[in-house]
Amino acid sequence: MSPLRPSSAHTMRRTHVNDDRTNRIDMSDGVGATLNTFYRAFAGEPDLLDQVVTADWQDIPLLPGQGTGPEGIKPMIRAFKQAIPDLSIIIHDVIVDGDRVGVRGAMTGTHTGEWFSLAPTGRAFSVTLHEFHRIESGRITHTWHLEDWFGWLNQVGAWPLNKKDAS
């Protein structure tokens, strides 16, 4: 069993990452630039992924219908941005330890287009997200993620299903 190594942790608070805001993750070791570009991609500029993920990037778990690598997620990002045109990603915390990065954040917006086969509701939401990345040579090789989609369904009025909808 190897001993634990000291953490080179950095923590950032309430950093917004999208086109409309100027706050960015400020980290001197280059991880900040990688994360800023990565989350701008997910906020609606999917082609930016080509700058910050490897060609064989692993997004774990894949969404239903999602292909592998950066090309596999780009259609999903475009569809999500179409359904949520005011999408914003807010980063609450970033913790870096060697080649591993943990992110706690939220996605916010208004459900104005179809998403997950759910017709637009016009309701605002905030979805918690937790992600862990592995970075090598300035590029993300793996992303393990967990979003609170049940919370989203509740916020847009689609959960819990009433008995009439369930039949």
N, C-alpha and C. Protein backbone atom coordinates (compact mmCIF):
# COMPACT_ATOMS: atom_id res chain seq x y z
N MET A 1 0.85 -1.17 0.00
CA MET A 1 0.00 0.00 0.00
C MET A 1 0.89 1.23 0.00
N SER A 2 0.68 2.11 -0.96
CA SER A 2 1.51 3.32 -1.03
C SER A 2 0.99 4.39 -0.09
N PRO A 3 1.89 5.20 0.45
CA PRO A 3 1.45 6.27 1.34
C PRO A 3 0.70 7.35 0.55
N LEU A 4 -0.17 8.05 1.23
CA LEU A 4 -0.87 9.15 0.58
C LEU A 4 0.11 10.27 0.32
N ARG A 5 0.02 10.85 -0.83
CA ARG A 5 0.90 11.98 -1.12
C ARG A 5 0.20 13.27 -0.74
N PRO A 6 0.94 14.29 -0.39
CA PRO A 6 0.31 15.56 -0.04
C PRO A 6 -0.47 16.12 -1.22
N SER A 7 -1.56 16.72 -0.94
CA SER A 7 -2.41 17.29 -1.99
C SER A 7 -1.88 18.64 -2.42
N SER A 8 -1.92 18.88 -3.71
CA SER A 8 -1.61 20.20 -4.24
C SER A 8 -2.92 20.87 -4.60
N ALA A 9 -3.87 20.81 -3.69
CA ALA A 9 -5.25 21.21 -3.97
C ALA A 9 -5.39 22.72 -4.12
N HIS A 10 -6.22 23.08 -5.07
CA HIS A 10 -6.63 24.46 -5.30
C HIS A 10 -8.15 24.46 -5.23
N THR A 11 -8.75 25.45 -4.61
CA THR A 11 -10.20 25.51 -4.56
C THR A 11 -10.65 26.87 -5.06
N MET A 12 -11.62 26.87 -5.96
CA MET A 12 -12.19 28.09 -6.52
C MET A 12 -13.64 28.17 -6.08
N ARG A 13 -14.19 29.34 -5.96
CA ARG A 13 -15.57 29.52 -5.54
C ARG A 13 -16.38 30.28 -6.58
N ARG A 14 -17.59 29.86 -6.83
CA ARG A 14 -18.59 30.54 -7.64
C ARG A 14 -18.02 31.18 -8.91
N THR A 15 -17.54 30.36 -9.78
CA THR A 15 -17.01 30.81 -11.05
C THR A 15 -18.00 30.45 -12.14
N HIS A 16 -18.44 31.41 -12.92
CA HIS A 16 -19.38 31.17 -13.99
C HIS A 16 -18.62 30.90 -15.27
N VAL A 17 -19.04 29.92 -16.02
CA VAL A 17 -18.37 29.57 -17.26
C VAL A 17 -19.42 29.51 -18.37
N ASN A 18 -19.51 30.57 -19.13
CA ASN A 18 -20.33 30.59 -20.34
C ASN A 18 -20.01 31.84 -21.14
N ASP A 19 -20.70 32.05 -22.22
CA ASP A 19 -20.41 33.19 -23.10
C ASP A 19 -20.75 34.53 -22.46
N ASP A 20 -21.74 34.56 -21.58
CA ASP A 20 -22.27 35.82 -21.08
C ASP A 20 -21.55 36.37 -19.86
N ARG A 21 -20.67 35.63 -19.28
CA ARG A 21 -20.03 36.05 -18.04
C ARG A 21 -18.53 36.10 -18.23
N THR A 22 -17.85 36.96 -17.48
CA THR A 22 -16.42 37.12 -17.66
C THR A 22 -15.60 36.42 -16.59
N ASN A 23 -16.21 35.96 -15.52
CA ASN A 23 -15.45 35.25 -14.49
C ASN A 23 -14.93 33.94 -15.04
N ARG A 24 -13.71 33.62 -14.72
CA ARG A 24 -13.10 32.38 -15.16
C ARG A 24 -12.34 31.76 -14.00
N ILE A 25 -12.14 30.47 -14.07
CA ILE A 25 -11.32 29.79 -13.09
C ILE A 25 -9.91 30.33 -13.24
N ASP A 26 -9.30 30.76 -12.16
CA ASP A 26 -7.97 31.36 -12.22
C ASP A 26 -6.99 30.43 -11.51
N MET A 27 -6.26 29.66 -12.28
CA MET A 27 -5.28 28.75 -11.71
C MET A 27 -4.01 28.86 -12.54
N SER A 28 -2.90 28.99 -11.89
CA SER A 28 -1.65 29.26 -12.58
C SER A 28 -1.03 28.05 -13.27
N ASP A 29 -1.51 26.85 -13.00
CA ASP A 29 -0.86 25.66 -13.55
C ASP A 29 -1.43 25.18 -14.88
N GLY A 30 -2.30 25.91 -15.54
CA GLY A 30 -2.85 25.52 -16.83
C GLY A 30 -4.14 24.72 -16.74
N VAL A 31 -4.42 24.13 -15.59
CA VAL A 31 -5.66 23.37 -15.42
C VAL A 31 -6.86 24.28 -15.60
N GLY A 32 -6.76 25.51 -15.10
CA GLY A 32 -7.86 26.46 -15.22
C GLY A 32 -8.27 26.71 -16.65
N ALA A 33 -7.29 26.92 -17.52
CA ALA A 33 -7.59 27.16 -18.94
C ALA A 33 -8.27 25.95 -19.57
N THR A 34 -7.79 24.76 -19.23
CA THR A 34 -8.40 23.53 -19.75
C THR A 34 -9.85 23.43 -19.30
N LEU A 35 -10.09 23.65 -18.00
CA LEU A 35 -11.46 23.54 -17.49
C LEU A 35 -12.37 24.62 -18.05
N ASN A 36 -11.87 25.86 -18.15
CA ASN A 36 -12.69 26.93 -18.72
C ASN A 36 -13.16 26.57 -20.12
N THR A 37 -12.25 26.08 -20.94
CA THR A 37 -12.61 25.71 -22.31
C THR A 37 -13.55 24.52 -22.32
N PHE A 38 -13.30 23.53 -21.48
CA PHE A 38 -14.16 22.35 -21.39
C PHE A 38 -15.60 22.75 -21.04
N TYR A 39 -15.77 23.59 -20.04
CA TYR A 39 -17.13 23.96 -19.62
C TYR A 39 -17.77 24.97 -20.57
N ARG A 40 -17.00 25.76 -21.27
CA ARG A 40 -17.57 26.59 -22.34
C ARG A 40 -18.12 25.70 -23.45
N ALA A 41 -17.41 24.61 -23.73
CA ALA A 41 -17.90 23.65 -24.73
C ALA A 41 -19.26 23.11 -24.32
N PHE A 42 -19.40 22.71 -23.06
CA PHE A 42 -20.66 22.15 -22.58
C PHE A 42 -21.75 23.20 -22.42
N ALA A 43 -21.38 24.47 -22.33
CA ALA A 43 -22.37 25.54 -22.24
C ALA A 43 -22.85 25.96 -23.63
N GLY A 44 -22.41 25.25 -24.68
CA GLY A 44 -22.97 25.52 -25.99
C GLY A 44 -21.99 25.68 -27.13
N GLU A 45 -20.69 25.45 -26.90
CA GLU A 45 -19.69 25.55 -27.97
C GLU A 45 -18.95 24.22 -28.09
N PRO A 46 -19.63 23.17 -28.55
CA PRO A 46 -19.06 21.83 -28.50
C PRO A 46 -17.74 21.64 -29.25
N ASP A 47 -17.49 22.41 -30.29
CA ASP A 47 -16.24 22.24 -31.04
C ASP A 47 -15.02 22.61 -30.22
N LEU A 48 -15.21 23.34 -29.11
CA LEU A 48 -14.08 23.65 -28.23
C LEU A 48 -13.50 22.40 -27.58
N LEU A 49 -14.29 21.33 -27.51
CA LEU A 49 -13.78 20.08 -26.94
C LEU A 49 -12.50 19.62 -27.64
N ASP A 50 -12.40 19.88 -28.95
CA ASP A 50 -11.23 19.44 -29.71
C ASP A 50 -9.94 20.04 -29.16
N GLN A 51 -10.03 21.17 -28.47
CA GLN A 51 -8.86 21.83 -27.91
C GLN A 51 -8.42 21.25 -26.58
N VAL A 52 -9.33 20.57 -25.86
CA VAL A 52 -9.02 20.22 -24.47
C VAL A 52 -9.22 18.76 -24.09
N VAL A 53 -9.77 17.94 -24.97
CA VAL A 53 -9.89 16.52 -24.66
C VAL A 53 -9.10 15.72 -25.69
N THR A 54 -8.70 14.54 -25.30
CA THR A 54 -7.99 13.66 -26.22
C THR A 54 -8.97 13.05 -27.21
N ALA A 55 -8.46 12.57 -28.34
CA ALA A 55 -9.32 11.96 -29.37
C ALA A 55 -10.05 10.74 -28.83
N ASP A 56 -9.45 10.05 -27.84
CA ASP A 56 -10.09 8.88 -27.25
C ASP A 56 -10.66 9.17 -25.86
N TRP A 57 -10.98 10.45 -25.61
CA TRP A 57 -11.56 10.87 -24.32
C TRP A 57 -12.71 9.97 -23.94
N GLN A 58 -12.75 9.59 -22.68
CA GLN A 58 -13.82 8.74 -22.18
C GLN A 58 -14.75 9.54 -21.28
N ASP A 59 -16.01 9.62 -21.65
CA ASP A 59 -17.06 10.29 -20.89
C ASP A 59 -17.86 9.19 -20.20
N ILE A 60 -17.78 9.13 -18.88
CA ILE A 60 -18.31 8.00 -18.13
C ILE A 60 -19.34 8.49 -17.11
N PRO A 61 -20.60 8.01 -17.18
CA PRO A 61 -21.18 7.10 -18.16
C PRO A 61 -21.67 7.87 -19.39
N LEU A 62 -21.81 7.15 -20.49
CA LEU A 62 -22.38 7.75 -21.69
C LEU A 62 -23.87 7.97 -21.49
N LEU A 63 -24.40 9.04 -22.08
CA LEU A 63 -25.84 9.26 -22.09
C LEU A 63 -26.50 8.29 -23.06
N PRO A 64 -27.77 7.98 -22.90
CA PRO A 64 -28.45 7.13 -23.88
C PRO A 64 -28.31 7.73 -25.28
N GLY A 65 -27.83 6.95 -26.22
CA GLY A 65 -27.67 7.41 -27.59
C GLY A 65 -26.37 8.14 -27.87
N GLN A 66 -25.54 8.35 -26.85
CA GLN A 66 -24.28 9.08 -27.02
C GLN A 66 -23.21 8.16 -27.58
N GLY A 67 -22.48 8.65 -28.59
CA GLY A 67 -21.34 7.92 -29.11
C GLY A 67 -20.11 8.20 -28.26
N THR A 68 -19.02 7.53 -28.58
CA THR A 68 -17.80 7.68 -27.81
C THR A 68 -16.97 8.87 -28.28
N GLY A 69 -16.04 9.29 -27.42
CA GLY A 69 -15.12 10.37 -27.75
C GLY A 69 -15.81 11.71 -27.86
N PRO A 70 -15.03 12.74 -28.19
CA PRO A 70 -15.61 14.09 -28.28
C PRO A 70 -16.70 14.21 -29.35
N GLU A 71 -16.55 13.49 -30.46
CA GLU A 71 -17.57 13.58 -31.52
C GLU A 71 -18.89 12.98 -31.06
N GLY A 72 -18.84 12.04 -30.14
CA GLY A 72 -20.06 11.40 -29.65
C GLY A 72 -20.93 12.30 -28.79
N ILE A 73 -20.31 13.26 -28.10
CA ILE A 73 -21.09 14.14 -27.21
C ILE A 73 -21.53 15.43 -27.91
N LYS A 74 -20.87 15.83 -28.97
CA LYS A 74 -21.19 17.11 -29.61
C LYS A 74 -22.66 17.25 -30.02
N PRO A 75 -23.29 16.22 -30.63
CA PRO A 75 -24.71 16.36 -30.95
C PRO A 75 -25.58 16.55 -29.71
N MET A 76 -25.19 15.91 -28.60
CA MET A 76 -25.95 16.04 -27.36
C MET A 76 -25.84 17.47 -26.81
N ILE A 77 -24.64 18.04 -26.89
CA ILE A 77 -24.44 19.41 -26.41
C ILE A 77 -25.28 20.37 -27.25
N ARG A 78 -25.27 20.18 -28.57
CA ARG A 78 -26.06 21.05 -29.45
C ARG A 78 -27.55 20.94 -29.14
N ALA A 79 -28.02 19.72 -28.92
CA ALA A 79 -29.44 19.52 -28.60
C ALA A 79 -29.78 20.14 -27.25
N PHE A 80 -28.89 20.00 -26.29
CA PHE A 80 -29.13 20.57 -24.97
C PHE A 80 -29.17 22.09 -25.05
N LYS A 81 -28.25 22.68 -25.80
CA LYS A 81 -28.22 24.15 -25.95
C LYS A 81 -29.48 24.64 -26.67
N GLN A 82 -29.99 23.86 -27.60
CA GLN A 82 -31.22 24.23 -28.28
C GLN A 82 -32.41 24.18 -27.32
N ALA A 83 -32.42 23.18 -26.44
CA ALA A 83 -33.51 23.05 -25.47
C ALA A 83 -33.38 24.05 -24.32
N ILE A 84 -32.16 24.47 -24.03
CA ILE A 84 -31.87 25.38 -22.91
C ILE A 84 -30.98 26.50 -23.45
N PRO A 85 -31.50 27.44 -24.22
CA PRO A 85 -30.64 28.45 -24.85
C PRO A 85 -29.94 29.37 -23.86
N ASP A 86 -30.47 29.53 -22.65
CA ASP A 86 -29.83 30.40 -21.67
C ASP A 86 -28.97 29.60 -20.68
N LEU A 87 -28.51 28.42 -21.11
CA LEU A 87 -27.71 27.54 -20.26
C LEU A 87 -26.48 28.26 -19.72
N SER A 88 -26.25 28.08 -18.43
CA SER A 88 -25.05 28.60 -17.77
C SER A 88 -24.50 27.49 -16.90
N ILE A 89 -23.18 27.41 -16.83
CA ILE A 89 -22.52 26.45 -15.95
C ILE A 89 -21.77 27.25 -14.89
N ILE A 90 -22.06 26.94 -13.64
CA ILE A 90 -21.45 27.63 -12.52
C ILE A 90 -20.56 26.64 -11.79
N ILE A 91 -19.30 26.98 -11.64
CA ILE A 91 -18.36 26.12 -10.93
C ILE A 91 -18.24 26.65 -9.51
N HIS A 92 -18.58 25.80 -8.55
CA HIS A 92 -18.48 26.17 -7.14
C HIS A 92 -17.12 25.84 -6.56
N ASP A 93 -16.60 24.67 -6.87
CA ASP A 93 -15.32 24.23 -6.33
C ASP A 93 -14.54 23.45 -7.36
N VAL A 94 -13.23 23.65 -7.36
CA VAL A 94 -12.31 22.85 -8.16
C VAL A 94 -11.20 22.40 -7.22
N ILE A 95 -10.93 21.10 -7.22
CA ILE A 95 -9.86 20.57 -6.39
C ILE A 95 -8.91 19.78 -7.29
N VAL A 96 -7.65 20.15 -7.28
CA VAL A 96 -6.65 19.52 -8.14
C VAL A 96 -5.67 18.74 -7.28
N ASP A 97 -5.40 17.51 -7.68
CA ASP A 97 -4.40 16.70 -7.03
C ASP A 97 -3.67 15.91 -8.11
N GLY A 98 -2.50 16.39 -8.48
CA GLY A 98 -1.75 15.75 -9.55
C GLY A 98 -2.50 15.83 -10.86
N ASP A 99 -2.76 14.66 -11.48
CA ASP A 99 -3.46 14.62 -12.77
C ASP A 99 -4.97 14.47 -12.61
N ARG A 100 -5.45 14.56 -11.38
CA ARG A 100 -6.89 14.40 -11.10
C ARG A 100 -7.49 15.74 -10.68
N VAL A 101 -8.70 16.01 -11.18
CA VAL A 101 -9.39 17.25 -10.89
C VAL A 101 -10.84 16.93 -10.52
N GLY A 102 -11.29 17.45 -9.40
CA GLY A 102 -12.68 17.31 -8.99
C GLY A 102 -13.40 18.63 -9.15
N VAL A 103 -14.61 18.60 -9.66
CA VAL A 103 -15.40 19.81 -9.89
C VAL A 103 -16.79 19.62 -9.29
N ARG A 104 -17.21 20.62 -8.52
CA ARG A 104 -18.59 20.67 -8.01
C ARG A 104 -19.20 21.91 -8.61
N GLY A 105 -20.33 21.75 -9.28
CA GLY A 105 -20.94 22.89 -9.94
C GLY A 105 -22.43 22.71 -10.14
N ALA A 106 -22.96 23.55 -11.02
CA ALA A 106 -24.38 23.50 -11.34
C ALA A 106 -24.59 23.99 -12.77
N MET A 107 -25.62 23.46 -13.40
CA MET A 107 -26.10 23.96 -14.69
C MET A 107 -27.42 24.65 -14.41
N THR A 108 -27.58 25.85 -14.93
CA THR A 108 -28.83 26.58 -14.76
C THR A 108 -29.36 27.00 -16.11
N GLY A 109 -30.65 27.22 -16.16
CA GLY A 109 -31.25 27.68 -17.40
C GLY A 109 -32.76 27.57 -17.34
N THR A 110 -33.38 27.73 -18.52
CA THR A 110 -34.82 27.66 -18.65
C THR A 110 -35.15 26.62 -19.72
N HIS A 111 -36.05 25.70 -19.39
CA HIS A 111 -36.41 24.61 -20.28
C HIS A 111 -37.38 25.12 -21.35
N THR A 112 -36.84 25.54 -22.50
CA THR A 112 -37.68 26.11 -23.55
C THR A 112 -37.74 25.26 -24.82
N GLY A 113 -37.06 24.12 -24.82
CA GLY A 113 -37.11 23.20 -25.95
C GLY A 113 -37.15 21.77 -25.44
N GLU A 114 -37.47 20.82 -26.32
CA GLU A 114 -37.59 19.43 -25.91
C GLU A 114 -36.25 18.89 -25.43
N TRP A 115 -36.28 18.21 -24.27
CA TRP A 115 -35.10 17.54 -23.73
C TRP A 115 -35.55 16.28 -23.02
N PHE A 116 -34.84 15.18 -23.20
CA PHE A 116 -35.23 13.88 -22.65
C PHE A 116 -36.67 13.55 -23.03
N SER A 117 -37.06 13.87 -24.25
CA SER A 117 -38.42 13.64 -24.77
C SER A 117 -39.49 14.39 -24.00
N LEU A 118 -39.10 15.40 -23.26
CA LEU A 118 -40.05 16.21 -22.49
C LEU A 118 -40.27 17.53 -23.21
N ALA A 119 -41.54 17.82 -23.52
CA ALA A 119 -41.89 19.08 -24.18
C ALA A 119 -41.46 20.26 -23.31
N PRO A 120 -41.19 21.40 -23.92
CA PRO A 120 -40.76 22.58 -23.15
C PRO A 120 -41.77 22.95 -22.07
N THR A 121 -41.25 23.29 -20.90
CA THR A 121 -42.11 23.68 -19.79
C THR A 121 -42.00 25.17 -19.48
N GLY A 122 -40.94 25.82 -19.96
CA GLY A 122 -40.72 27.23 -19.65
C GLY A 122 -40.23 27.46 -18.23
N ARG A 123 -39.91 26.41 -17.52
CA ARG A 123 -39.48 26.54 -16.12
C ARG A 123 -37.96 26.66 -16.00
N ALA A 124 -37.54 27.49 -15.05
CA ALA A 124 -36.12 27.63 -14.73
C ALA A 124 -35.69 26.46 -13.84
N PHE A 125 -34.41 26.14 -13.89
CA PHE A 125 -33.89 25.02 -13.10
C PHE A 125 -32.44 25.26 -12.74
N SER A 126 -31.97 24.49 -11.78
CA SER A 126 -30.56 24.42 -11.42
C SER A 126 -30.25 22.97 -11.12
N VAL A 127 -29.36 22.37 -11.90
CA VAL A 127 -28.99 20.97 -11.76
C VAL A 127 -27.58 20.88 -11.17
N THR A 128 -27.47 20.19 -10.06
CA THR A 128 -26.17 19.97 -9.45
C THR A 128 -25.35 19.01 -10.29
N LEU A 129 -24.05 19.28 -10.40
CA LEU A 129 -23.18 18.34 -11.10
C LEU A 129 -21.90 18.14 -10.30
N HIS A 130 -21.40 16.92 -10.38
CA HIS A 130 -20.13 16.54 -9.77
C HIS A 130 -19.34 15.81 -10.84
N GLU A 131 -18.12 16.26 -11.08
CA GLU A 131 -17.31 15.64 -12.12
C GLU A 131 -15.88 15.46 -11.64
N PHE A 132 -15.29 14.40 -12.15
CA PHE A 132 -13.89 14.11 -11.88
C PHE A 132 -13.21 13.89 -13.22
N HIS A 133 -12.09 14.57 -13.40
CA HIS A 133 -11.36 14.50 -14.67
C HIS A 133 -9.95 13.97 -14.43
N ARG A 134 -9.41 13.30 -15.43
CA ARG A 134 -7.98 12.98 -15.46
C ARG A 134 -7.40 13.79 -16.61
N ILE A 135 -6.32 14.51 -16.32
CA ILE A 135 -5.69 15.38 -17.31
C ILE A 135 -4.25 14.93 -17.53
N GLU A 136 -3.87 14.79 -18.80
CA GLU A 136 -2.50 14.47 -19.19
C GLU A 136 -2.06 15.45 -20.26
N SER A 137 -0.92 16.09 -20.06
CA SER A 137 -0.36 17.04 -21.02
C SER A 137 -1.37 18.11 -21.42
N GLY A 138 -2.14 18.60 -20.45
CA GLY A 138 -3.08 19.69 -20.69
C GLY A 138 -4.40 19.29 -21.33
N ARG A 139 -4.62 17.99 -21.54
CA ARG A 139 -5.87 17.52 -22.15
C ARG A 139 -6.56 16.52 -21.23
N ILE A 140 -7.88 16.57 -21.26
CA ILE A 140 -8.68 15.68 -20.44
C ILE A 140 -8.78 14.32 -21.15
N THR A 141 -8.42 13.26 -20.43
CA THR A 141 -8.49 11.91 -21.00
C THR A 141 -9.73 11.16 -20.55
N HIS A 142 -10.22 11.48 -19.35
CA HIS A 142 -11.39 10.81 -18.77
C HIS A 142 -12.22 11.84 -18.01
N THR A 143 -13.53 11.68 -18.08
CA THR A 143 -14.45 12.46 -17.25
C THR A 143 -15.48 11.50 -16.68
N TRP A 144 -15.54 11.46 -15.36
CA TRP A 144 -16.59 10.71 -14.66
C TRP A 144 -17.55 11.75 -14.13
N HIS A 145 -18.84 11.62 -14.43
CA HIS A 145 -19.78 12.70 -14.08
C HIS A 145 -21.06 12.15 -13.49
N LEU A 146 -21.70 13.01 -12.69
CA LEU A 146 -22.99 12.69 -12.09
C LEU A 146 -23.79 13.98 -12.00
N GLU A 147 -24.94 14.01 -12.67
CA GLU A 147 -25.83 15.15 -12.63
C GLU A 147 -27.14 14.75 -11.97
N ASP A 148 -27.79 15.70 -11.34
CA ASP A 148 -29.05 15.43 -10.64
C ASP A 148 -30.23 15.59 -11.61
N TRP A 149 -30.41 14.62 -12.52
CA TRP A 149 -31.48 14.72 -13.49
C TRP A 149 -32.86 14.51 -12.86
N PHE A 150 -32.95 13.76 -11.77
CA PHE A 150 -34.24 13.66 -11.07
C PHE A 150 -34.63 15.02 -10.50
N GLY A 151 -33.67 15.75 -9.98
CA GLY A 151 -33.94 17.11 -9.52
C GLY A 151 -34.43 17.99 -10.65
N TRP A 152 -33.83 17.83 -11.84
CA TRP A 152 -34.27 18.60 -13.01
C TRP A 152 -35.72 18.26 -13.34
N LEU A 153 -36.03 16.95 -13.40
CA LEU A 153 -37.40 16.55 -13.69
C LEU A 153 -38.38 17.15 -12.70
N ASN A 154 -38.02 17.18 -11.44
CA ASN A 154 -38.88 17.77 -10.41
C ASN A 154 -39.04 19.28 -10.64
N GLN A 155 -37.95 19.96 -10.92
CA GLN A 155 -38.00 21.42 -11.09
C GLN A 155 -38.81 21.84 -12.31
N VAL A 156 -38.81 21.04 -13.37
CA VAL A 156 -39.58 21.40 -14.56
C VAL A 156 -41.00 20.84 -14.52
N GLY A 157 -41.35 20.19 -13.40
CA GLY A 157 -42.73 19.73 -13.21
C GLY A 157 -43.05 18.37 -13.80
N ALA A 158 -42.03 17.59 -14.17
CA ALA A 158 -42.26 16.29 -14.79
C ALA A 158 -42.13 15.12 -13.81
N TRP A 159 -41.79 15.40 -12.56
CA TRP A 159 -41.62 14.36 -11.55
C TRP A 159 -42.17 14.87 -10.25
N PRO A 160 -42.84 14.10 -9.47
CA PRO A 160 -43.16 12.70 -9.77
C PRO A 160 -44.26 12.61 -10.81
N LEU A 161 -44.29 11.50 -11.50
CA LEU A 161 -45.36 11.26 -12.48
C LEU A 161 -46.66 11.11 -11.74
N ASN A 162 -47.71 11.74 -12.25
CA ASN A 162 -49.01 11.47 -11.62
C ASN A 162 -49.55 10.16 -12.20
N LYS A 163 -50.50 9.57 -11.53
CA LYS A 163 -50.99 8.24 -11.91
C LYS A 163 -51.52 8.23 -13.33
N LYS A 164 -52.12 9.31 -13.77
CA LYS A 164 -52.66 9.39 -15.11
C LYS A 164 -51.54 9.28 -16.15
N ASP A 165 -50.39 9.95 -15.89
CA ASP A 165 -49.25 9.91 -16.82
C ASP A 165 -48.59 8.55 -16.83
N ALA A 166 -48.60 7.84 -15.73
CA ALA A 166 -47.89 6.56 -15.61
C ALA A 166 -48.62 5.42 -16.32
N SER A 167 -49.88 5.58 -16.64
CA SER A 167 -50.62 4.46 -17.25
C SER A 167 -50.49 4.44 -18.75
